[in-house]
Amino acid sequence: MTAPDLAAELCTRCALCCNGALFDFGPLDPEEVPQARADGLTVLEAEDQFGFGFPCPALAGTIGSVHPTRPGTCRAFRCRVLRDAEAGEIGEEAALSIIADTRAVHDALLGQLPPGSTIIDARRWRRREREADGNAPASTPPQVMIALGMLDLLLDQHFRKPGDRQVLPRE
């Protein structure tokens, strides 16, 4: 299978980079801002730096509707699973298995969240609880925090490079 075909096969089964599982936001170059807005992305600005929030509103299932005009950060990103498969370090079947297992944990976590909540919301809750007074009772159900920890473990193990977590600035 050619590299573009392999990327298409793996990426269209995954979309963890677009749905908010891997990252809270993606950086934008200033010249990309008009196109990002035209594509319906939520553009964030702070101190002359730009980004867009996830989950990507152009994502339908695991396929992006703005693929031809997607930002440079999206064009350049290649998760570890994809890089390892392209390098022949893992086979296509193993890569698809990792994606399926991680998506199952992702989907199970989504099923535990209140309606309308996202994984990004769960990460905010976790940050707030870590910063809160140690004597305050946790407000997020423990099973949600365990599932979020499991998802992040899989993402760190198979998809992200060390230090690759991009999180939104604190509210």
N, C-alpha and C. Protein backbone atom coordinates (compact mmCIF):
# COMPACT_ATOMS: atom_id res chain seq x y z
N MET A 1 0.86 -1.17 0.00
CA MET A 1 0.00 0.00 0.00
C MET A 1 0.91 1.24 0.00
N THR A 2 0.58 2.23 -0.81
CA THR A 2 1.39 3.44 -0.87
C THR A 2 1.17 4.27 0.39
N ALA A 3 2.11 5.16 0.69
CA ALA A 3 2.01 6.00 1.89
C ALA A 3 0.72 6.83 1.88
N PRO A 4 0.35 7.48 0.76
CA PRO A 4 -0.91 8.23 0.78
C PRO A 4 -2.13 7.35 1.02
N ASP A 5 -2.12 6.13 0.44
CA ASP A 5 -3.24 5.22 0.66
C ASP A 5 -3.29 4.75 2.11
N LEU A 6 -2.12 4.47 2.69
CA LEU A 6 -2.06 4.06 4.09
C LEU A 6 -2.56 5.18 4.99
N ALA A 7 -2.11 6.40 4.72
CA ALA A 7 -2.56 7.55 5.52
C ALA A 7 -4.07 7.71 5.41
N ALA A 8 -4.59 7.61 4.21
CA ALA A 8 -6.04 7.76 4.02
C ALA A 8 -6.79 6.67 4.79
N GLU A 9 -6.30 5.44 4.73
CA GLU A 9 -6.96 4.33 5.42
C GLU A 9 -6.95 4.53 6.94
N LEU A 10 -5.78 4.85 7.49
CA LEU A 10 -5.68 4.99 8.94
C LEU A 10 -6.40 6.25 9.43
N CYS A 11 -6.18 7.35 8.75
CA CYS A 11 -6.74 8.63 9.22
C CYS A 11 -8.26 8.64 9.17
N THR A 12 -8.84 8.05 8.13
CA THR A 12 -10.30 8.05 8.04
C THR A 12 -10.95 7.04 8.97
N ARG A 13 -10.18 6.21 9.61
CA ARG A 13 -10.70 5.31 10.64
C ARG A 13 -10.52 5.92 12.03
N CYS A 14 -9.74 6.97 12.14
CA CYS A 14 -9.30 7.46 13.44
C CYS A 14 -9.91 8.81 13.81
N ALA A 15 -9.37 9.88 13.28
CA ALA A 15 -9.80 11.26 13.52
C ALA A 15 -9.57 11.74 14.96
N LEU A 16 -8.74 11.04 15.73
CA LEU A 16 -8.47 11.48 17.10
C LEU A 16 -7.75 12.82 17.15
N CYS A 17 -7.07 13.18 16.07
CA CYS A 17 -6.40 14.48 16.03
C CYS A 17 -7.41 15.60 15.75
N CYS A 18 -8.54 15.29 15.19
CA CYS A 18 -9.54 16.30 14.83
C CYS A 18 -10.67 16.42 15.85
N ASN A 19 -10.93 15.38 16.61
CA ASN A 19 -12.12 15.36 17.46
C ASN A 19 -11.90 15.86 18.89
N GLY A 20 -10.69 16.33 19.18
CA GLY A 20 -10.43 16.85 20.51
C GLY A 20 -9.82 15.85 21.46
N ALA A 21 -9.59 14.63 21.01
CA ALA A 21 -8.98 13.63 21.89
C ALA A 21 -7.50 13.92 22.09
N LEU A 22 -6.78 14.18 21.02
CA LEU A 22 -5.33 14.41 21.12
C LEU A 22 -4.99 15.81 21.60
N PHE A 23 -5.68 16.81 21.07
CA PHE A 23 -5.33 18.20 21.35
C PHE A 23 -6.59 19.02 21.62
N ASP A 24 -6.41 20.08 22.40
CA ASP A 24 -7.51 21.02 22.65
C ASP A 24 -7.59 22.08 21.56
N PHE A 25 -6.44 22.40 20.97
CA PHE A 25 -6.43 23.42 19.92
C PHE A 25 -5.27 23.16 18.98
N GLY A 26 -5.34 23.81 17.82
CA GLY A 26 -4.26 23.74 16.84
C GLY A 26 -3.78 25.14 16.52
N PRO A 27 -2.48 25.35 16.44
CA PRO A 27 -1.96 26.68 16.13
C PRO A 27 -2.23 27.07 14.68
N LEU A 28 -2.41 28.36 14.46
CA LEU A 28 -2.62 28.92 13.13
C LEU A 28 -1.59 30.00 12.87
N ASP A 29 -1.10 30.08 11.65
CA ASP A 29 -0.32 31.22 11.23
C ASP A 29 -1.30 32.36 10.96
N PRO A 30 -0.89 33.62 11.19
CA PRO A 30 -1.83 34.73 10.98
C PRO A 30 -2.49 34.75 9.60
N GLU A 31 -1.73 34.36 8.57
CA GLU A 31 -2.31 34.38 7.21
C GLU A 31 -3.35 33.28 7.01
N GLU A 32 -3.42 32.30 7.91
CA GLU A 32 -4.41 31.23 7.79
C GLU A 32 -5.74 31.58 8.44
N VAL A 33 -5.77 32.64 9.22
CA VAL A 33 -6.97 32.99 9.99
C VAL A 33 -8.19 33.22 9.11
N PRO A 34 -8.10 34.01 8.02
CA PRO A 34 -9.31 34.22 7.20
C PRO A 34 -9.90 32.92 6.65
N GLN A 35 -9.04 32.02 6.15
CA GLN A 35 -9.54 30.75 5.62
C GLN A 35 -10.14 29.89 6.73
N ALA A 36 -9.49 29.88 7.89
CA ALA A 36 -10.01 29.10 9.01
C ALA A 36 -11.40 29.59 9.40
N ARG A 37 -11.57 30.90 9.46
CA ARG A 37 -12.90 31.44 9.77
C ARG A 37 -13.91 31.07 8.69
N ALA A 38 -13.49 31.19 7.42
CA ALA A 38 -14.38 30.83 6.31
C ALA A 38 -14.78 29.36 6.38
N ASP A 39 -13.89 28.53 6.89
CA ASP A 39 -14.17 27.10 7.02
C ASP A 39 -14.99 26.78 8.27
N GLY A 40 -15.30 27.79 9.08
CA GLY A 40 -16.13 27.59 10.27
C GLY A 40 -15.38 27.17 11.51
N LEU A 41 -14.03 27.27 11.48
CA LEU A 41 -13.25 26.92 12.66
C LEU A 41 -13.38 28.02 13.70
N THR A 42 -13.36 27.65 14.98
CA THR A 42 -13.40 28.61 16.07
C THR A 42 -11.99 29.15 16.26
N VAL A 43 -11.76 30.38 15.82
CA VAL A 43 -10.43 30.98 15.88
C VAL A 43 -10.24 31.63 17.25
N LEU A 44 -9.15 31.27 17.90
CA LEU A 44 -8.78 31.82 19.21
C LEU A 44 -7.60 32.75 19.01
N GLU A 45 -7.58 33.87 19.74
CA GLU A 45 -6.48 34.82 19.62
C GLU A 45 -6.04 35.27 21.00
N ALA A 46 -4.72 35.28 21.19
CA ALA A 46 -4.14 35.79 22.44
C ALA A 46 -2.75 36.32 22.12
N GLU A 47 -2.55 37.58 22.39
CA GLU A 47 -1.23 38.21 22.22
C GLU A 47 -0.63 37.93 20.85
N ASP A 48 -1.38 38.23 19.79
CA ASP A 48 -0.93 38.06 18.40
C ASP A 48 -0.60 36.62 18.04
N GLN A 49 -1.10 35.68 18.79
CA GLN A 49 -0.98 34.26 18.43
C GLN A 49 -2.39 33.75 18.16
N PHE A 50 -2.49 32.86 17.19
CA PHE A 50 -3.79 32.37 16.78
C PHE A 50 -3.83 30.84 16.85
N GLY A 51 -5.03 30.34 17.02
CA GLY A 51 -5.25 28.90 17.02
C GLY A 51 -6.72 28.64 16.76
N PHE A 52 -7.07 27.39 16.66
CA PHE A 52 -8.48 27.02 16.49
C PHE A 52 -8.79 25.90 17.46
N GLY A 53 -10.02 25.92 17.96
CA GLY A 53 -10.43 24.95 18.96
C GLY A 53 -10.93 23.65 18.36
N PHE A 54 -10.73 22.60 19.11
CA PHE A 54 -11.26 21.28 18.77
C PHE A 54 -12.41 20.98 19.70
N PRO A 55 -13.30 20.09 19.39
CA PRO A 55 -13.32 19.31 18.17
C PRO A 55 -13.58 20.19 16.96
N CYS A 56 -13.03 19.78 15.83
CA CYS A 56 -13.16 20.53 14.59
C CYS A 56 -14.62 20.50 14.15
N PRO A 57 -15.22 21.67 13.93
CA PRO A 57 -16.62 21.68 13.50
C PRO A 57 -16.82 21.14 12.08
N ALA A 58 -15.72 21.00 11.33
CA ALA A 58 -15.81 20.49 9.96
C ALA A 58 -15.72 18.96 9.93
N LEU A 59 -15.61 18.34 11.10
CA LEU A 59 -15.48 16.89 11.16
C LEU A 59 -16.86 16.24 11.15
N ALA A 60 -17.05 15.33 10.22
CA ALA A 60 -18.29 14.56 10.14
C ALA A 60 -17.91 13.10 10.29
N GLY A 61 -18.12 12.55 11.47
CA GLY A 61 -17.67 11.19 11.76
C GLY A 61 -16.16 11.19 11.89
N THR A 62 -15.49 10.61 10.92
CA THR A 62 -14.03 10.62 10.92
C THR A 62 -13.48 11.27 9.66
N ILE A 63 -14.31 12.02 8.95
CA ILE A 63 -13.91 12.67 7.71
C ILE A 63 -14.11 14.18 7.86
N GLY A 64 -13.09 14.94 7.48
CA GLY A 64 -13.18 16.40 7.53
C GLY A 64 -13.72 16.96 6.23
N SER A 65 -14.63 17.92 6.34
CA SER A 65 -15.23 18.51 5.14
C SER A 65 -14.39 19.65 4.57
N VAL A 66 -13.35 20.09 5.28
CA VAL A 66 -12.51 21.18 4.77
C VAL A 66 -11.09 20.67 4.48
N HIS A 67 -10.99 19.40 4.19
CA HIS A 67 -9.68 18.78 3.98
C HIS A 67 -8.81 19.55 2.99
N PRO A 68 -9.31 20.00 1.83
CA PRO A 68 -8.45 20.72 0.88
C PRO A 68 -7.93 22.06 1.41
N THR A 69 -8.66 22.70 2.31
CA THR A 69 -8.24 24.01 2.81
C THR A 69 -7.82 23.98 4.28
N ARG A 70 -7.57 22.78 4.81
CA ARG A 70 -7.24 22.66 6.23
C ARG A 70 -5.95 23.42 6.54
N PRO A 71 -5.80 23.86 7.80
CA PRO A 71 -4.61 24.62 8.20
C PRO A 71 -3.32 23.80 8.07
N GLY A 72 -2.22 24.51 7.99
CA GLY A 72 -0.91 23.88 7.86
C GLY A 72 -0.59 22.92 8.98
N THR A 73 -1.01 23.24 10.20
CA THR A 73 -0.73 22.35 11.33
C THR A 73 -1.42 21.00 11.13
N CYS A 74 -2.58 21.01 10.50
CA CYS A 74 -3.30 19.76 10.20
C CYS A 74 -2.61 19.00 9.08
N ARG A 75 -2.15 19.74 8.07
CA ARG A 75 -1.45 19.10 6.95
C ARG A 75 -0.17 18.42 7.42
N ALA A 76 0.52 19.08 8.35
CA ALA A 76 1.83 18.60 8.79
C ALA A 76 1.74 17.48 9.83
N PHE A 77 0.65 17.44 10.59
CA PHE A 77 0.59 16.49 11.70
C PHE A 77 0.51 15.05 11.20
N ARG A 78 1.33 14.23 11.79
CA ARG A 78 1.32 12.79 11.53
C ARG A 78 1.50 12.12 12.89
N CYS A 79 0.48 11.44 13.34
CA CYS A 79 0.56 10.80 14.65
C CYS A 79 1.61 9.68 14.61
N ARG A 80 1.99 9.21 15.78
CA ARG A 80 3.00 8.15 15.86
C ARG A 80 2.54 6.86 15.19
N VAL A 81 1.25 6.55 15.30
CA VAL A 81 0.75 5.33 14.66
C VAL A 81 0.99 5.42 13.15
N LEU A 82 0.64 6.54 12.57
CA LEU A 82 0.81 6.71 11.13
C LEU A 82 2.29 6.70 10.76
N ARG A 83 3.11 7.42 11.49
CA ARG A 83 4.56 7.45 11.18
C ARG A 83 5.16 6.05 11.30
N ASP A 84 4.79 5.33 12.36
CA ASP A 84 5.32 3.97 12.54
C ASP A 84 4.86 3.03 11.43
N ALA A 85 3.61 3.17 11.00
CA ALA A 85 3.10 2.32 9.91
C ALA A 85 3.80 2.68 8.59
N GLU A 86 3.95 3.95 8.33
CA GLU A 86 4.63 4.36 7.09
C GLU A 86 6.08 3.90 7.07
N ALA A 87 6.72 3.86 8.23
CA ALA A 87 8.12 3.42 8.32
C ALA A 87 8.25 1.90 8.32
N GLY A 88 7.13 1.19 8.34
CA GLY A 88 7.17 -0.26 8.36
C GLY A 88 7.47 -0.84 9.73
N GLU A 89 7.42 -0.02 10.77
CA GLU A 89 7.69 -0.50 12.13
C GLU A 89 6.51 -1.27 12.70
N ILE A 90 5.31 -0.96 12.21
CA ILE A 90 4.11 -1.74 12.54
C ILE A 90 3.34 -1.95 11.24
N GLY A 91 2.60 -3.03 11.19
CA GLY A 91 1.80 -3.31 10.00
C GLY A 91 0.48 -2.57 10.03
N GLU A 92 -0.18 -2.56 8.90
CA GLU A 92 -1.48 -1.89 8.79
C GLU A 92 -2.48 -2.48 9.77
N GLU A 93 -2.50 -3.81 9.89
CA GLU A 93 -3.45 -4.47 10.80
C GLU A 93 -3.19 -4.06 12.26
N ALA A 94 -1.92 -3.99 12.66
CA ALA A 94 -1.59 -3.56 14.02
C ALA A 94 -1.99 -2.11 14.24
N ALA A 95 -1.75 -1.27 13.24
CA ALA A 95 -2.12 0.14 13.36
C ALA A 95 -3.64 0.29 13.50
N LEU A 96 -4.38 -0.44 12.68
CA LEU A 96 -5.85 -0.38 12.78
C LEU A 96 -6.34 -0.90 14.12
N SER A 97 -5.67 -1.90 14.68
CA SER A 97 -6.04 -2.43 15.99
C SER A 97 -5.81 -1.38 17.09
N ILE A 98 -4.67 -0.69 17.03
CA ILE A 98 -4.39 0.37 18.01
C ILE A 98 -5.46 1.46 17.90
N ILE A 99 -5.78 1.84 16.67
CA ILE A 99 -6.80 2.87 16.46
C ILE A 99 -8.15 2.40 17.02
N ALA A 100 -8.55 1.18 16.71
CA ALA A 100 -9.84 0.66 17.18
C ALA A 100 -9.88 0.60 18.71
N ASP A 101 -8.81 0.13 19.33
CA ASP A 101 -8.77 0.04 20.80
C ASP A 101 -8.86 1.43 21.43
N THR A 102 -8.14 2.38 20.86
CA THR A 102 -8.14 3.74 21.42
C THR A 102 -9.48 4.40 21.20
N ARG A 103 -10.05 4.20 20.01
CA ARG A 103 -11.39 4.76 19.74
C ARG A 103 -12.42 4.17 20.70
N ALA A 104 -12.30 2.89 21.05
CA ALA A 104 -13.24 2.27 21.98
C ALA A 104 -13.16 2.93 23.35
N VAL A 105 -11.95 3.20 23.83
CA VAL A 105 -11.78 3.89 25.12
C VAL A 105 -12.34 5.30 25.01
N HIS A 106 -12.05 5.98 23.89
CA HIS A 106 -12.56 7.33 23.64
C HIS A 106 -14.09 7.33 23.68
N ASP A 107 -14.71 6.42 22.95
CA ASP A 107 -16.16 6.38 22.88
C ASP A 107 -16.79 6.02 24.23
N ALA A 108 -16.14 5.13 24.97
CA ALA A 108 -16.64 4.79 26.31
C ALA A 108 -16.59 6.01 27.23
N LEU A 109 -15.52 6.78 27.14
CA LEU A 109 -15.43 8.00 27.94
C LEU A 109 -16.54 8.97 27.55
N LEU A 110 -16.75 9.18 26.26
CA LEU A 110 -17.83 10.08 25.82
C LEU A 110 -19.17 9.64 26.38
N GLY A 111 -19.39 8.32 26.46
CA GLY A 111 -20.64 7.81 26.99
C GLY A 111 -20.85 8.08 28.47
N GLN A 112 -19.77 8.40 29.19
CA GLN A 112 -19.86 8.68 30.62
C GLN A 112 -20.01 10.17 30.91
N LEU A 113 -19.82 11.01 29.89
CA LEU A 113 -19.89 12.45 30.10
C LEU A 113 -21.33 12.94 30.05
N PRO A 114 -21.61 14.04 30.74
CA PRO A 114 -22.96 14.62 30.64
C PRO A 114 -23.26 15.00 29.19
N PRO A 115 -24.52 14.97 28.78
CA PRO A 115 -24.88 15.32 27.41
C PRO A 115 -24.31 16.70 27.02
N GLY A 116 -23.76 16.78 25.83
CA GLY A 116 -23.21 18.03 25.34
C GLY A 116 -21.78 18.31 25.78
N SER A 117 -21.22 17.46 26.64
CA SER A 117 -19.86 17.66 27.12
C SER A 117 -18.87 16.97 26.19
N THR A 118 -17.65 17.48 26.21
CA THR A 118 -16.60 16.91 25.37
C THR A 118 -15.44 16.44 26.24
N ILE A 119 -14.51 15.77 25.62
CA ILE A 119 -13.29 15.35 26.32
C ILE A 119 -12.51 16.57 26.78
N ILE A 120 -12.55 17.62 26.00
CA ILE A 120 -11.88 18.86 26.39
C ILE A 120 -12.50 19.40 27.69
N ASP A 121 -13.82 19.31 27.82
CA ASP A 121 -14.47 19.71 29.08
C ASP A 121 -13.95 18.86 30.23
N ALA A 122 -13.84 17.54 30.02
CA ALA A 122 -13.35 16.65 31.08
C ALA A 122 -11.92 17.03 31.47
N ARG A 123 -11.10 17.40 30.51
CA ARG A 123 -9.73 17.82 30.84
C ARG A 123 -9.74 19.11 31.65
N ARG A 124 -10.65 20.01 31.35
CA ARG A 124 -10.78 21.26 32.14
C ARG A 124 -11.19 20.93 33.58
N TRP A 125 -12.14 20.00 33.72
CA TRP A 125 -12.58 19.61 35.06
C TRP A 125 -11.39 19.05 35.84
N ARG A 126 -10.61 18.19 35.17
CA ARG A 126 -9.45 17.59 35.83
C ARG A 126 -8.46 18.66 36.26
N ARG A 127 -8.19 19.64 35.39
CA ARG A 127 -7.26 20.73 35.76
C ARG A 127 -7.79 21.53 36.94
N ARG A 128 -9.09 21.83 36.93
CA ARG A 128 -9.68 22.61 38.04
C ARG A 128 -9.55 21.85 39.35
N GLU A 129 -9.81 20.54 39.30
CA GLU A 129 -9.74 19.75 40.53
C GLU A 129 -8.31 19.64 41.03
N ARG A 130 -7.36 19.58 40.13
CA ARG A 130 -5.95 19.53 40.55
C ARG A 130 -5.54 20.84 41.20
N GLU A 131 -6.10 21.94 40.74
CA GLU A 131 -5.74 23.26 41.27
C GLU A 131 -6.55 23.64 42.50
N ALA A 132 -7.63 22.92 42.75
CA ALA A 132 -8.51 23.24 43.88
C ALA A 132 -7.86 22.85 45.20
N ASP A 133 -8.43 23.37 46.24
CA ASP A 133 -8.00 23.03 47.59
C ASP A 133 -8.08 21.51 47.77
N GLY A 134 -7.04 20.92 48.28
CA GLY A 134 -6.97 19.48 48.47
C GLY A 134 -8.06 18.93 49.36
N ASN A 135 -8.71 19.76 50.14
CA ASN A 135 -9.77 19.30 51.04
C ASN A 135 -11.14 19.32 50.38
N ALA A 136 -11.23 19.93 49.18
CA ALA A 136 -12.53 20.01 48.51
C ALA A 136 -12.85 18.64 47.90
N PRO A 137 -14.10 18.23 48.00
CA PRO A 137 -14.48 16.95 47.39
C PRO A 137 -14.45 17.07 45.86
N ALA A 138 -14.09 16.00 45.21
CA ALA A 138 -14.05 15.98 43.76
C ALA A 138 -15.48 16.04 43.23
N SER A 139 -15.69 16.86 42.21
CA SER A 139 -17.03 16.99 41.64
C SER A 139 -17.21 16.13 40.40
N THR A 140 -16.12 15.68 39.82
CA THR A 140 -16.20 14.84 38.63
C THR A 140 -16.20 13.38 39.07
N PRO A 141 -17.12 12.59 38.54
CA PRO A 141 -17.16 11.18 38.94
C PRO A 141 -15.81 10.50 38.71
N PRO A 142 -15.38 9.67 39.65
CA PRO A 142 -14.08 9.01 39.52
C PRO A 142 -13.96 8.18 38.25
N GLN A 143 -15.05 7.53 37.82
CA GLN A 143 -14.96 6.71 36.62
C GLN A 143 -14.65 7.55 35.39
N VAL A 144 -15.08 8.81 35.37
CA VAL A 144 -14.75 9.71 34.26
C VAL A 144 -13.26 10.02 34.29
N MET A 145 -12.73 10.30 35.47
CA MET A 145 -11.30 10.62 35.57
C MET A 145 -10.43 9.41 35.23
N ILE A 146 -10.88 8.22 35.61
CA ILE A 146 -10.14 6.99 35.28
C ILE A 146 -10.16 6.77 33.76
N ALA A 147 -11.34 6.92 33.15
CA ALA A 147 -11.43 6.74 31.70
C ALA A 147 -10.61 7.78 30.96
N LEU A 148 -10.60 9.02 31.44
CA LEU A 148 -9.79 10.07 30.81
C LEU A 148 -8.31 9.74 30.96
N GLY A 149 -7.91 9.25 32.11
CA GLY A 149 -6.52 8.85 32.31
C GLY A 149 -6.12 7.71 31.38
N MET A 150 -7.02 6.74 31.20
CA MET A 150 -6.74 5.62 30.28
C MET A 150 -6.60 6.12 28.85
N LEU A 151 -7.49 7.02 28.45
CA LEU A 151 -7.41 7.57 27.09
C LEU A 151 -6.09 8.31 26.90
N ASP A 152 -5.73 9.17 27.85
CA ASP A 152 -4.47 9.91 27.72
C ASP A 152 -3.26 8.99 27.71
N LEU A 153 -3.34 7.91 28.47
CA LEU A 153 -2.24 6.94 28.46
C LEU A 153 -2.07 6.33 27.07
N LEU A 154 -3.16 5.91 26.46
CA LEU A 154 -3.10 5.33 25.11
C LEU A 154 -2.63 6.37 24.08
N LEU A 155 -3.13 7.59 24.21
CA LEU A 155 -2.72 8.65 23.27
C LEU A 155 -1.24 8.95 23.40
N ASP A 156 -0.76 9.01 24.64
CA ASP A 156 0.67 9.27 24.85
C ASP A 156 1.52 8.10 24.37
N GLN A 157 1.03 6.90 24.55
CA GLN A 157 1.78 5.70 24.18
C GLN A 157 1.84 5.49 22.67
N HIS A 158 0.77 5.80 21.96
CA HIS A 158 0.69 5.43 20.55
C HIS A 158 0.55 6.59 19.56
N PHE A 159 0.12 7.75 20.01
CA PHE A 159 -0.23 8.80 19.05
C PHE A 159 0.61 10.07 19.17
N ARG A 160 0.94 10.50 20.38
CA ARG A 160 1.65 11.76 20.58
C ARG A 160 3.12 11.55 20.77
N LYS A 161 3.89 12.57 20.39
CA LYS A 161 5.30 12.61 20.76
C LYS A 161 5.37 13.15 22.19
N PRO A 162 6.42 12.85 22.94
CA PRO A 162 6.55 13.42 24.28
C PRO A 162 6.47 14.94 24.21
N GLY A 163 5.71 15.52 25.13
CA GLY A 163 5.56 16.98 25.18
C GLY A 163 4.64 17.53 24.11
N ASP A 164 3.85 16.68 23.47
CA ASP A 164 3.00 17.08 22.35
C ASP A 164 1.61 17.53 22.78
N ARG A 165 1.30 17.53 24.04
CA ARG A 165 -0.04 17.91 24.47
C ARG A 165 -0.20 19.42 24.33
N GLN A 166 -1.17 19.82 23.52
CA GLN A 166 -1.50 21.22 23.38
C GLN A 166 -2.83 21.43 24.09
N VAL A 167 -2.82 22.31 25.08
CA VAL A 167 -4.06 22.56 25.82
C VAL A 167 -4.41 24.01 25.70
N LEU A 168 -5.70 24.28 25.76
CA LEU A 168 -6.17 25.65 25.70
C LEU A 168 -5.64 26.45 26.88
N PRO A 169 -5.42 27.74 26.66
CA PRO A 169 -5.03 28.58 27.80
C PRO A 169 -6.10 28.51 28.88
N ARG A 170 -5.67 28.71 30.09
CA ARG A 170 -6.63 28.66 31.22
C ARG A 170 -7.70 29.73 31.05
N GLU A 171 -8.93 29.34 31.41
CA GLU A 171 -10.04 30.31 31.32
C GLU A 171 -9.86 31.36 32.38
